[in-house]
């Protein structure tokens, strides 16, 4: 029932929160080139059960995985990062190229720690910090319900 305008506001606010969390992630900010943040998008749609869904979308690697999922869920040990991607990251971060192979070996051995950035962003989105947004949603839903009752109920005089 919530309009596209409100869903767009929610989606934009969510992306803003994720962007801030990526840049302030401690001890290691997840922000180098800004490509991930610039790629963040959302879409909203109705699922098969008629529920409204807001889906987060991010840039994909050459192998098709979404970067935001790797940042969120981490990376299990036992796999190397594509060396060219790691070299580009190191260059942006000012890390000497010679260190890239040692970093990749460490990632292979230990993986990459999950940040749970998506859950953290949702907690912030639904926190009291965003009361204004949810007040708007509440007003719109009440208005929609009122319209439904006005349009569907007819009264007969007895």
Protein backbone atom coordinates (compact mmCIF):
# COMPACT_ATOMS: atom_id res chain seq x y z
CA UNK A 1 0.00 0.00 0.00
CA UNK A 2 2.94 2.34 0.59
CA UNK A 3 3.48 4.56 -2.44
CA UNK A 4 6.51 4.55 -4.69
CA UNK A 5 7.49 7.99 -3.37
CA UNK A 6 7.75 6.70 0.19
CA UNK A 7 9.52 3.51 -0.94
CA UNK A 8 12.04 5.65 -2.83
CA UNK A 9 12.63 7.74 0.31
CA UNK A 10 13.21 4.57 2.32
CA UNK A 11 15.59 3.18 -0.31
CA UNK A 12 17.60 6.41 -0.54
CA UNK A 13 17.85 6.69 3.24
CA UNK A 14 18.99 3.04 3.44
CA UNK A 15 21.74 3.59 0.87
CA UNK A 16 22.87 6.73 2.72
CA UNK A 17 23.17 4.76 5.95
CA UNK A 18 25.12 1.95 4.25
CA UNK A 19 27.45 4.50 2.66
CA UNK A 20 28.21 6.10 6.05
CA UNK A 21 28.72 2.69 7.67
CA UNK A 22 31.12 1.57 4.94
CA UNK A 23 33.22 4.71 5.36
CA UNK A 24 33.25 4.56 9.16
CA UNK A 25 33.67 0.78 9.56
CA UNK A 26 36.22 0.23 12.31
CA UNK A 27 38.98 -0.76 12.49
CA UNK A 28 39.05 -0.86 8.68
CA UNK A 29 36.80 1.41 6.61
CA UNK A 30 35.39 -0.42 3.59
CA UNK A 31 35.95 2.50 1.27
CA UNK A 32 38.80 2.77 -1.22
CA UNK A 33 37.77 3.97 -4.68
CA UNK A 34 34.13 4.68 -3.84
CA UNK A 35 33.03 2.29 -6.61
CA UNK A 36 30.89 0.22 -4.24
CA UNK A 37 29.14 3.25 -2.74
CA UNK A 38 28.53 4.78 -6.18
CA UNK A 39 27.10 1.48 -7.44
CA UNK A 40 24.56 1.06 -4.63
CA UNK A 41 20.99 1.11 -5.91
CA UNK A 42 17.66 -0.27 -4.87
CA UNK A 43 14.46 -1.38 -6.48
CA UNK A 44 11.08 -2.07 -5.01
CA UNK A 45 8.53 -4.57 -6.18
CA UNK A 46 5.80 -6.94 -5.04
CA UNK A 47 6.87 -10.53 -4.43
CA UNK A 48 4.78 -13.61 -5.28
CA UNK A 49 2.88 -13.27 -1.98
CA UNK A 50 2.03 -9.61 -2.64
CA UNK A 51 4.53 -8.26 -0.08
CA UNK A 52 6.41 -5.07 -0.90
CA UNK A 53 10.17 -5.71 -1.14
CA UNK A 54 13.01 -3.20 -1.30
CA UNK A 55 16.06 -4.91 -2.80
CA UNK A 56 19.61 -3.60 -2.45
CA UNK A 57 21.81 -3.88 -5.55
CA UNK A 58 25.55 -3.26 -5.88
CA UNK A 59 28.35 -3.54 -8.43
CA UNK A 60 29.33 -7.05 -9.43
CA UNK A 61 32.76 -8.54 -9.93
CA UNK A 62 33.91 -10.11 -13.17
CA UNK A 63 32.78 -13.44 -11.71
CA UNK A 64 29.28 -12.13 -10.99
CA UNK A 65 29.23 -11.80 -7.20
CA UNK A 66 27.97 -8.61 -5.59
CA UNK A 67 30.61 -6.66 -3.67
CA UNK A 68 28.19 -5.65 -0.93
CA UNK A 69 27.54 -9.32 -0.12
CA UNK A 70 31.28 -9.98 0.30
CA UNK A 71 31.63 -6.91 2.52
CA UNK A 72 28.57 -7.97 4.52
CA UNK A 73 29.22 -11.72 4.79
CA UNK A 74 33.01 -11.76 4.54
CA UNK A 75 35.04 -14.35 2.67
CA UNK A 76 35.86 -17.85 3.85
CA UNK A 77 39.49 -18.99 3.97
CA UNK A 78 40.82 -21.12 1.13
CA UNK A 79 40.41 -18.71 -1.80
CA UNK A 80 42.68 -16.05 -3.19
CA UNK A 81 41.37 -12.65 -4.20
CA UNK A 82 41.83 -11.87 -7.93
CA UNK A 83 45.31 -10.35 -7.97
CA UNK A 84 44.50 -7.43 -10.29
CA UNK A 85 41.60 -6.33 -8.10
CA UNK A 86 43.84 -6.54 -5.05
CA UNK A 87 46.60 -4.55 -6.81
CA UNK A 88 44.10 -1.81 -7.70
CA UNK A 89 42.85 -1.70 -4.11
CA UNK A 90 46.42 -1.53 -2.75
CA UNK A 91 47.30 1.29 -5.14
CA UNK A 92 44.31 3.36 -4.00
CA UNK A 93 45.17 2.67 -0.35
CA UNK A 94 48.85 3.61 -0.89
CA UNK A 95 50.04 0.09 -0.08
CA UNK A 96 53.21 -1.00 -1.92
CA UNK A 97 52.57 -3.53 -4.69
CA UNK A 98 55.10 -5.91 -3.12
CA UNK A 99 52.76 -6.33 -0.15
CA UNK A 100 49.84 -7.50 -2.31
CA UNK A 101 50.99 -11.11 -2.47
CA UNK A 102 51.41 -11.31 1.32
CA UNK A 103 47.95 -9.76 1.79
CA UNK A 104 46.46 -12.29 -0.62
CA UNK A 105 48.19 -15.14 1.22
CA UNK A 106 46.73 -13.85 4.52
CA UNK A 107 43.25 -13.66 2.94
CA UNK A 108 43.69 -17.23 1.65
CA UNK A 109 44.68 -18.39 5.14
CA UNK A 110 42.23 -16.40 7.29
CA UNK A 111 39.51 -15.13 4.94
CA UNK A 112 37.95 -11.69 5.30
CA UNK A 113 35.93 -10.86 8.40
CA UNK A 114 32.21 -10.18 7.90
CA UNK A 115 30.96 -6.67 8.73
CA UNK A 116 27.22 -7.46 8.84
CA UNK A 117 26.77 -4.02 7.27
CA UNK A 118 23.30 -4.85 5.90
CA UNK A 119 21.84 -5.81 9.30
CA UNK A 120 23.58 -2.85 10.94
CA UNK A 121 22.13 -0.50 8.33
CA UNK A 122 18.63 -1.93 8.79
CA UNK A 123 18.90 -1.47 12.55
CA UNK A 124 19.75 2.19 11.98
CA UNK A 125 17.04 2.60 9.33
CA UNK A 126 14.39 1.33 11.75
CA UNK A 127 15.77 3.21 14.76
CA UNK A 128 14.26 6.29 16.34
CA UNK A 129 16.75 8.39 14.30
CA UNK A 130 14.39 7.98 11.35
CA UNK A 131 11.13 8.80 13.12
CA UNK A 132 10.27 11.44 10.50
CA UNK A 133 10.37 8.88 7.69
CA UNK A 134 8.11 6.44 9.53
CA UNK A 135 5.73 9.22 10.53
CA UNK A 136 5.34 9.91 6.78
CA UNK A 137 4.68 6.23 6.10
CA UNK A 138 2.14 6.05 8.92
CA UNK A 139 0.32 9.13 7.60
CA UNK A 140 0.24 7.70 4.08
CA UNK A 141 -1.06 4.31 5.22
CA UNK A 142 -3.80 5.97 7.29
CA UNK A 143 -4.73 8.10 4.30
CA UNK A 144 -4.86 5.02 2.04
CA UNK A 145 -7.04 3.12 4.52
CA UNK A 146 -9.36 6.11 4.80
CA UNK A 147 -9.67 6.27 0.99
CA UNK A 148 -10.45 2.55 0.82
CA UNK A 149 -13.25 2.91 3.36
CA UNK A 150 -14.65 6.00 1.65
CA UNK A 151 -14.59 4.31 -1.76
CA UNK A 152 -15.93 0.92 -0.78
CA UNK A 153 -18.52 1.56 1.89
CA UNK A 154 -21.95 2.72 0.91
CA UNK A 155 -24.67 3.41 3.36
CA UNK A 156 -28.34 2.77 2.82
CA UNK A 157 -30.91 4.88 4.54
CA UNK A 158 -33.44 2.86 6.46
